[in-house]
Amino acid sequence: MARPVGILLDLVGGPVIGALLFSEGIKTYRDGGSAGWPIAGSALLLINLRVAWRRFSRLRKRVTSP
């Protein structure tokens, strides 16, 4: 049961949280906040997308290999 939950969080949860932080960072920056928020949000989004991509490729390789 823990494995499907981990896969779900890697594929969906991480990039969603990164995208939310990135969009909130842009909104904060437009309101006069620090430029660090959109930079941190974009870094988190890219890292989470990389993790999700690696997980997805591993799952795809397992299914096709005998």
C-alpha atoms as a PDB file:
ATOM      1  CA  MET A   1       0.000   0.000   0.000  1.00  0.00           C
ATOM      2  CA  ALA A   2       2.860   2.406   0.709  1.00  0.00           C
ATOM      3  CA  ARG A   3       4.382   1.949  -2.736  1.00  0.00           C
ATOM      4  CA  PRO A   4       1.373   3.255  -4.742  1.00  0.00           C
ATOM      5  CA  VAL A   5       1.066   6.199  -2.359  1.00  0.00           C
ATOM      6  CA  GLY A   6       4.748   7.032  -2.844  1.00  0.00           C
ATOM      7  CA  ILE A   7       4.377   6.834  -6.611  1.00  0.00           C
ATOM      8  CA  LEU A   8       1.307   9.057  -6.503  1.00  0.00           C
ATOM      9  CA  LEU A   9       3.087  11.669  -4.409  1.00  0.00           C
ATOM     10  CA  ASP A  10       6.139  11.632  -6.680  1.00  0.00           C
ATOM     11  CA  LEU A  11       4.152  11.952  -9.874  1.00  0.00           C
ATOM     12  CA  VAL A  12       1.431  14.354  -8.795  1.00  0.00           C
ATOM     13  CA  GLY A  13       2.153  15.926  -5.420  1.00  0.00           C
ATOM     14  CA  GLY A  14       5.649  17.256  -5.967  1.00  0.00           C
ATOM     15  CA  PRO A  15       5.126  19.178  -9.209  1.00  0.00           C
ATOM     16  CA  VAL A  16       1.805  20.553  -7.990  1.00  0.00           C
ATOM     17  CA  ILE A  17       3.380  21.971  -4.842  1.00  0.00           C
ATOM     18  CA  GLY A  18       6.266  23.397  -6.878  1.00  0.00           C
ATOM     19  CA  ALA A  19       3.852  25.042  -9.314  1.00  0.00           C
ATOM     20  CA  LEU A  20       1.826  26.533  -6.458  1.00  0.00           C
ATOM     21  CA  LEU A  21       4.942  27.953  -4.820  1.00  0.00           C
ATOM     22  CA  PHE A  22       6.146  29.317  -8.159  1.00  0.00           C
ATOM     23  CA  SER A  23       2.826  31.035  -8.901  1.00  0.00           C
ATOM     24  CA  GLU A  24       2.633  32.450  -5.380  1.00  0.00           C
ATOM     25  CA  GLY A  25       6.215  33.671  -5.724  1.00  0.00           C
ATOM     26  CA  ILE A  26       5.383  35.504  -8.931  1.00  0.00           C
ATOM     27  CA  LYS A  27       2.346  37.075  -7.263  1.00  0.00           C
ATOM     28  CA  THR A  28       4.446  38.146  -4.272  1.00  0.00           C
ATOM     29  CA  TYR A  29       7.150  39.554  -6.548  1.00  0.00           C
ATOM     30  CA  ARG A  30       4.590  41.584  -8.518  1.00  0.00           C
ATOM     31  CA  ASP A  31       3.288  43.004  -5.242  1.00  0.00           C
ATOM     32  CA  GLY A  32       6.770  44.271  -4.392  1.00  0.00           C
ATOM     33  CA  GLY A  33       8.230  41.237  -2.634  1.00  0.00           C
ATOM     34  CA  SER A  34      11.598  39.597  -2.977  1.00  0.00           C
ATOM     35  CA  ALA A  35      12.741  38.033  -6.260  1.00  0.00           C
ATOM     36  CA  GLY A  36      13.853  35.016  -4.240  1.00  0.00           C
ATOM     37  CA  TRP A  37      10.333  33.573  -4.044  1.00  0.00           C
ATOM     38  CA  PRO A  38       9.867  32.993  -7.789  1.00  0.00           C
ATOM     39  CA  ILE A  39      13.450  31.721  -8.050  1.00  0.00           C
ATOM     40  CA  ALA A  40      12.920  29.258  -5.199  1.00  0.00           C
ATOM     41  CA  GLY A  41       9.554  28.226  -6.624  1.00  0.00           C
ATOM     42  CA  SER A  42      10.996  27.571 -10.064  1.00  0.00           C
ATOM     43  CA  ALA A  43      13.904  25.588  -8.588  1.00  0.00           C
ATOM     44  CA  LEU A  44      11.503  23.456  -6.541  1.00  0.00           C
ATOM     45  CA  LEU A  45       9.266  22.937  -9.558  1.00  0.00           C
ATOM     46  CA  LEU A  46      12.156  21.829 -11.765  1.00  0.00           C
ATOM     47  CA  ILE A  47      13.505  19.464  -9.118  1.00  0.00           C
ATOM     48  CA  ASN A  48      10.071  17.919  -8.566  1.00  0.00           C
ATOM     49  CA  LEU A  49       9.531  17.515 -12.307  1.00  0.00           C
ATOM     50  CA  ARG A  50      12.901  15.755 -12.571  1.00  0.00           C
ATOM     51  CA  VAL A  51      11.975  13.388  -9.733  1.00  0.00           C
ATOM     52  CA  ALA A  52       8.609  12.652 -11.340  1.00  0.00           C
ATOM     53  CA  TRP A  53      10.231  12.086 -14.747  1.00  0.00           C
ATOM     54  CA  ARG A  54      12.782   9.659 -13.303  1.00  0.00           C
ATOM     55  CA  ARG A  55      10.048   7.760 -11.446  1.00  0.00           C
ATOM     56  CA  PHE A  56       7.880   7.620 -14.557  1.00  0.00           C
ATOM     57  CA  SER A  57      10.757   6.299 -16.701  1.00  0.00           C
ATOM     58  CA  ARG A  58      11.569   3.626 -14.110  1.00  0.00           C
ATOM     59  CA  LEU A  59       7.945   2.494 -14.041  1.00  0.00           C
ATOM     60  CA  ARG A  60       7.782   2.437 -17.818  1.00  0.00           C
ATOM     61  CA  LYS A  61      10.974   0.349 -18.076  1.00  0.00           C
ATOM     62  CA  ARG A  62       9.677  -2.195 -15.550  1.00  0.00           C
ATOM     63  CA  VAL A  63       6.459  -2.739 -17.471  1.00  0.00           C
ATOM     64  CA  THR A  64       8.169  -3.304 -20.835  1.00  0.00           C
ATOM     65  CA  SER A  65      10.963  -5.581 -19.593  1.00  0.00           C
ATOM     66  CA  PRO A  66      10.204  -9.321 -19.267  1.00  0.00           C
END
